[in-house]
Amino acid sequence: MLLPVDTPLAVADTLGYLQHHLQELTECQNASEHTINATLAGLTAQLQQLTQLMTSPPPTLTITLPPVSAPSLVLAALSKQQARPKLPSSPDFSGE
C-alpha cells in the first residue's frame, strides 16, 4: 500500500502494524476454513456410510451342518456310558 509522502510517520507505522495483523488474521481464517471444510467432508462421508448401512438389508449368514439324527446322539451317549468300566468300591476302613 502506497501512502502519500506527507503521511506522518506514526500514522504510517500504525497502518503497517494493522496491515501485518490483518494478514495474520486472514491466514488464520483460511486455515480454519480449510479445517472446517475437511471436517465437514469427513462427516459427510461417514453420514453417507451410516445411511447406506441403515437402508441396505442386513447380510444373511448361512451355516451348513451335516445332518444328525437325535436318536443316534442318544445311542452314542448310552454306549459310551456302558463301555466305561465300573470302578471297585473303596474299602470301608471305619472299623464297623
N, C-alpha and C. Protein backbone atom coordinates (compact mmCIF):
# COMPACT_ATOMS: atom_id res chain seq x y z
N MET A 1 0.85 -1.17 0.00
CA MET A 1 0.00 0.00 0.00
C MET A 1 0.90 1.23 0.00
N LEU A 2 0.66 2.10 -0.94
CA LEU A 2 1.45 3.33 -1.03
C LEU A 2 0.74 4.46 -0.30
N LEU A 3 1.49 5.14 0.56
CA LEU A 3 0.95 6.26 1.32
C LEU A 3 1.46 7.57 0.71
N PRO A 4 0.68 8.60 0.87
CA PRO A 4 1.18 9.91 0.40
C PRO A 4 2.47 10.28 1.12
N VAL A 5 3.28 11.08 0.48
CA VAL A 5 4.59 11.46 1.02
C VAL A 5 4.45 12.23 2.33
N ASP A 6 3.40 13.01 2.47
CA ASP A 6 3.25 13.84 3.67
C ASP A 6 2.57 13.11 4.83
N THR A 7 2.43 11.76 4.76
CA THR A 7 1.80 10.98 5.84
C THR A 7 2.75 10.98 7.03
N PRO A 8 2.23 11.31 8.21
CA PRO A 8 3.09 11.30 9.40
C PRO A 8 3.63 9.89 9.66
N LEU A 9 4.81 9.85 10.21
CA LEU A 9 5.48 8.57 10.45
C LEU A 9 4.67 7.69 11.42
N ALA A 10 4.05 8.25 12.43
CA ALA A 10 3.27 7.47 13.41
C ALA A 10 2.06 6.82 12.72
N VAL A 11 1.43 7.58 11.79
CA VAL A 11 0.28 7.02 11.08
C VAL A 11 0.74 5.88 10.16
N ALA A 12 1.87 6.06 9.49
CA ALA A 12 2.40 5.03 8.59
C ALA A 12 2.77 3.78 9.38
N ASP A 13 3.37 3.95 10.55
CA ASP A 13 3.73 2.81 11.39
C ASP A 13 2.48 2.07 11.86
N THR A 14 1.46 2.84 12.27
CA THR A 14 0.22 2.23 12.74
C THR A 14 -0.46 1.46 11.61
N LEU A 15 -0.49 2.04 10.42
CA LEU A 15 -1.09 1.35 9.28
C LEU A 15 -0.31 0.09 8.92
N GLY A 16 1.00 0.12 8.99
CA GLY A 16 1.83 -1.06 8.72
C GLY A 16 1.56 -2.17 9.74
N TYR A 17 1.45 -1.75 11.02
CA TYR A 17 1.14 -2.69 12.10
C TYR A 17 -0.21 -3.35 11.85
N LEU A 18 -1.23 -2.54 11.54
CA LEU A 18 -2.56 -3.08 11.30
C LEU A 18 -2.59 -3.98 10.07
N GLN A 19 -1.86 -3.61 9.02
CA GLN A 19 -1.83 -4.43 7.80
C GLN A 19 -1.19 -5.79 8.09
N HIS A 20 -0.13 -5.79 8.90
CA HIS A 20 0.55 -7.04 9.26
C HIS A 20 -0.41 -7.96 10.02
N HIS A 21 -1.14 -7.42 11.00
CA HIS A 21 -2.05 -8.24 11.78
C HIS A 21 -3.27 -8.67 10.96
N LEU A 22 -3.71 -7.84 10.05
CA LEU A 22 -4.80 -8.23 9.16
C LEU A 22 -4.38 -9.42 8.30
N GLN A 23 -3.14 -9.42 7.84
CA GLN A 23 -2.63 -10.54 7.04
C GLN A 23 -2.57 -11.82 7.88
N GLU A 24 -2.12 -11.69 9.14
CA GLU A 24 -2.08 -12.87 10.02
C GLU A 24 -3.48 -13.41 10.28
N LEU A 25 -4.43 -12.51 10.51
CA LEU A 25 -5.81 -12.94 10.75
C LEU A 25 -6.39 -13.63 9.52
N THR A 26 -6.07 -13.12 8.35
CA THR A 26 -6.56 -13.72 7.11
C THR A 26 -6.00 -15.13 6.95
N GLU A 27 -4.72 -15.32 7.26
CA GLU A 27 -4.11 -16.65 7.18
C GLU A 27 -4.76 -17.62 8.17
N CYS A 28 -5.03 -17.13 9.38
CA CYS A 28 -5.70 -17.98 10.38
C CYS A 28 -7.11 -18.34 9.93
N GLN A 29 -7.80 -17.36 9.35
CA GLN A 29 -9.15 -17.62 8.86
C GLN A 29 -9.13 -18.66 7.74
N ASN A 30 -8.17 -18.55 6.84
CA ASN A 30 -8.06 -19.52 5.74
C ASN A 30 -7.75 -20.92 6.27
N ALA A 31 -6.86 -21.00 7.26
CA ALA A 31 -6.54 -22.30 7.85
C ALA A 31 -7.76 -22.89 8.54
N SER A 32 -8.51 -22.07 9.27
CA SER A 32 -9.71 -22.54 9.94
C SER A 32 -10.76 -22.99 8.93
N GLU A 33 -10.90 -22.24 7.87
CA GLU A 33 -11.86 -22.61 6.82
C GLU A 33 -11.49 -23.96 6.20
N HIS A 34 -10.19 -24.17 5.97
CA HIS A 34 -9.73 -25.44 5.41
C HIS A 34 -10.04 -26.58 6.39
N THR A 35 -9.78 -26.36 7.68
CA THR A 35 -10.05 -27.39 8.69
C THR A 35 -11.54 -27.71 8.75
N ILE A 36 -12.36 -26.66 8.72
CA ILE A 36 -13.81 -26.87 8.77
C ILE A 36 -14.28 -27.64 7.54
N ASN A 37 -13.78 -27.28 6.36
CA ASN A 37 -14.18 -27.98 5.14
C ASN A 37 -13.76 -29.44 5.16
N ALA A 38 -12.55 -29.70 5.64
CA ALA A 38 -12.07 -31.09 5.71
C ALA A 38 -12.91 -31.89 6.71
N THR A 39 -13.24 -31.28 7.84
CA THR A 39 -14.07 -31.96 8.83
C THR A 39 -15.46 -32.24 8.28
N LEU A 40 -16.04 -31.26 7.61
CA LEU A 40 -17.37 -31.46 7.00
C LEU A 40 -17.35 -32.56 5.95
N ALA A 41 -16.28 -32.62 5.16
CA ALA A 41 -16.18 -33.67 4.14
C ALA A 41 -16.11 -35.05 4.81
N GLY A 42 -15.33 -35.16 5.89
CA GLY A 42 -15.24 -36.43 6.61
C GLY A 42 -16.56 -36.83 7.23
N LEU A 43 -17.24 -35.87 7.85
CA LEU A 43 -18.53 -36.17 8.47
C LEU A 43 -19.58 -36.52 7.42
N THR A 44 -19.53 -35.87 6.27
CA THR A 44 -20.47 -36.19 5.20
C THR A 44 -20.26 -37.63 4.71
N ALA A 45 -18.99 -38.03 4.57
CA ALA A 45 -18.70 -39.40 4.14
C ALA A 45 -19.20 -40.40 5.17
N GLN A 46 -19.00 -40.11 6.46
CA GLN A 46 -19.47 -41.01 7.50
C GLN A 46 -20.99 -41.08 7.51
N LEU A 47 -21.65 -39.96 7.30
CA LEU A 47 -23.10 -39.93 7.26
C LEU A 47 -23.62 -40.76 6.09
N GLN A 48 -22.95 -40.67 4.94
CA GLN A 48 -23.35 -41.47 3.79
C GLN A 48 -23.18 -42.96 4.07
N GLN A 49 -22.09 -43.33 4.75
CA GLN A 49 -21.87 -44.73 5.09
C GLN A 49 -22.95 -45.23 6.06
N LEU A 50 -23.27 -44.42 7.06
CA LEU A 50 -24.31 -44.81 8.01
C LEU A 50 -25.66 -44.93 7.33
N THR A 51 -25.97 -44.00 6.44
CA THR A 51 -27.23 -44.06 5.71
C THR A 51 -27.30 -45.32 4.87
N GLN A 52 -26.18 -45.66 4.23
CA GLN A 52 -26.14 -46.86 3.41
C GLN A 52 -26.33 -48.11 4.27
N LEU A 53 -25.71 -48.12 5.45
CA LEU A 53 -25.86 -49.27 6.34
C LEU A 53 -27.30 -49.40 6.84
N MET A 54 -27.94 -48.27 7.09
CA MET A 54 -29.31 -48.30 7.61
C MET A 54 -30.33 -48.67 6.53
N THR A 55 -30.05 -48.36 5.27
CA THR A 55 -31.02 -48.61 4.22
C THR A 55 -30.81 -49.94 3.50
N SER A 56 -29.63 -50.52 3.58
CA SER A 56 -29.41 -51.80 2.90
C SER A 56 -29.82 -52.94 3.83
N PRO A 57 -30.32 -54.03 3.25
CA PRO A 57 -30.75 -55.16 4.09
C PRO A 57 -29.55 -55.80 4.77
N PRO A 58 -29.77 -56.36 5.95
CA PRO A 58 -28.66 -57.00 6.65
C PRO A 58 -28.18 -58.23 5.88
N PRO A 59 -26.90 -58.51 5.96
CA PRO A 59 -26.39 -59.70 5.26
C PRO A 59 -26.93 -60.96 5.92
N THR A 60 -27.16 -61.98 5.11
CA THR A 60 -27.63 -63.25 5.66
C THR A 60 -26.45 -64.16 5.91
N LEU A 61 -26.51 -64.85 7.00
CA LEU A 61 -25.45 -65.76 7.38
C LEU A 61 -25.96 -67.18 7.21
N THR A 62 -25.27 -67.95 6.39
CA THR A 62 -25.70 -69.32 6.14
C THR A 62 -24.65 -70.27 6.70
N ILE A 63 -25.10 -71.14 7.56
CA ILE A 63 -24.21 -72.15 8.14
C ILE A 63 -24.74 -73.52 7.72
N THR A 64 -23.88 -74.32 7.13
CA THR A 64 -24.28 -75.65 6.69
C THR A 64 -23.66 -76.68 7.63
N LEU A 65 -24.54 -77.46 8.26
CA LEU A 65 -24.08 -78.51 9.16
C LEU A 65 -24.49 -79.86 8.60
N PRO A 66 -23.71 -80.89 8.86
CA PRO A 66 -24.10 -82.22 8.39
C PRO A 66 -25.34 -82.67 9.14
N PRO A 67 -26.20 -83.41 8.50
CA PRO A 67 -27.42 -83.87 9.18
C PRO A 67 -27.09 -84.86 10.28
N VAL A 68 -27.71 -84.65 11.43
CA VAL A 68 -27.50 -85.53 12.58
C VAL A 68 -28.88 -85.86 13.14
N SER A 69 -29.11 -87.12 13.31
CA SER A 69 -30.42 -87.51 13.87
C SER A 69 -30.30 -87.60 15.38
N ALA A 70 -31.32 -87.19 16.06
CA ALA A 70 -31.33 -87.17 17.51
C ALA A 70 -31.17 -88.57 18.11
N PRO A 71 -31.84 -89.61 17.58
CA PRO A 71 -31.67 -90.94 18.19
C PRO A 71 -30.21 -91.42 18.15
N SER A 72 -29.48 -91.11 17.09
CA SER A 72 -28.09 -91.59 17.04
C SER A 72 -27.25 -90.91 18.11
N LEU A 73 -27.56 -89.66 18.47
CA LEU A 73 -26.83 -88.99 19.54
C LEU A 73 -27.11 -89.66 20.88
N VAL A 74 -28.35 -90.00 21.12
CA VAL A 74 -28.72 -90.66 22.38
C VAL A 74 -28.06 -92.03 22.47
N LEU A 75 -28.09 -92.78 21.38
CA LEU A 75 -27.45 -94.12 21.39
C LEU A 75 -25.95 -94.01 21.59
N ALA A 76 -25.33 -93.03 20.98
CA ALA A 76 -23.88 -92.87 21.14
C ALA A 76 -23.55 -92.54 22.59
N ALA A 77 -24.35 -91.70 23.23
CA ALA A 77 -24.11 -91.35 24.62
C ALA A 77 -24.30 -92.56 25.53
N LEU A 78 -25.32 -93.36 25.27
CA LEU A 78 -25.56 -94.55 26.09
C LEU A 78 -24.46 -95.59 25.92
N SER A 79 -23.99 -95.77 24.71
CA SER A 79 -22.95 -96.79 24.50
C SER A 79 -21.64 -96.36 25.17
N LYS A 80 -21.38 -95.07 25.24
CA LYS A 80 -20.17 -94.62 25.93
C LYS A 80 -20.28 -94.89 27.42
N GLN A 81 -21.48 -94.70 27.98
CA GLN A 81 -21.67 -94.94 29.41
C GLN A 81 -21.49 -96.43 29.71
N GLN A 82 -21.97 -97.31 28.84
CA GLN A 82 -21.89 -98.74 29.08
C GLN A 82 -20.47 -99.25 28.87
N ALA A 83 -19.71 -98.61 28.04
CA ALA A 83 -18.37 -99.10 27.76
C ALA A 83 -17.39 -98.75 28.87
N ARG A 84 -17.73 -97.82 29.74
CA ARG A 84 -16.82 -97.45 30.82
C ARG A 84 -16.79 -98.55 31.88
N PRO A 85 -15.61 -98.97 32.29
CA PRO A 85 -15.54 -99.99 33.34
C PRO A 85 -15.94 -99.36 34.68
N LYS A 86 -16.60 -100.17 35.47
CA LYS A 86 -17.00 -99.69 36.78
C LYS A 86 -15.83 -99.85 37.73
N LEU A 87 -15.60 -98.83 38.51
CA LEU A 87 -14.51 -98.89 39.49
C LEU A 87 -14.99 -99.66 40.71
N PRO A 88 -14.08 -100.44 41.31
CA PRO A 88 -14.50 -101.16 42.52
C PRO A 88 -14.76 -100.14 43.63
N SER A 89 -15.67 -100.51 44.50
CA SER A 89 -15.96 -99.59 45.60
C SER A 89 -14.80 -99.62 46.57
N SER A 90 -14.57 -98.49 47.19
CA SER A 90 -13.42 -98.40 48.09
C SER A 90 -13.71 -99.14 49.39
N PRO A 91 -12.67 -99.72 49.95
CA PRO A 91 -12.87 -100.49 51.20
C PRO A 91 -13.30 -99.56 52.34
N ASP A 92 -14.05 -100.14 53.24
CA ASP A 92 -14.54 -99.36 54.37
C ASP A 92 -13.57 -99.54 55.51
N PHE A 93 -12.88 -98.45 55.90
CA PHE A 93 -11.90 -98.51 57.00
C PHE A 93 -12.43 -97.92 58.27
N SER A 94 -13.72 -97.82 58.39
CA SER A 94 -14.29 -97.17 59.56
C SER A 94 -14.25 -98.11 60.79
N GLY A 95 -14.07 -99.40 60.58
CA GLY A 95 -13.92 -100.34 61.68
C GLY A 95 -15.25 -100.87 62.17
N GLU A 96 -16.28 -100.70 61.51
CA GLU A 96 -17.58 -101.19 61.96
C GLU A 96 -17.87 -102.57 61.49
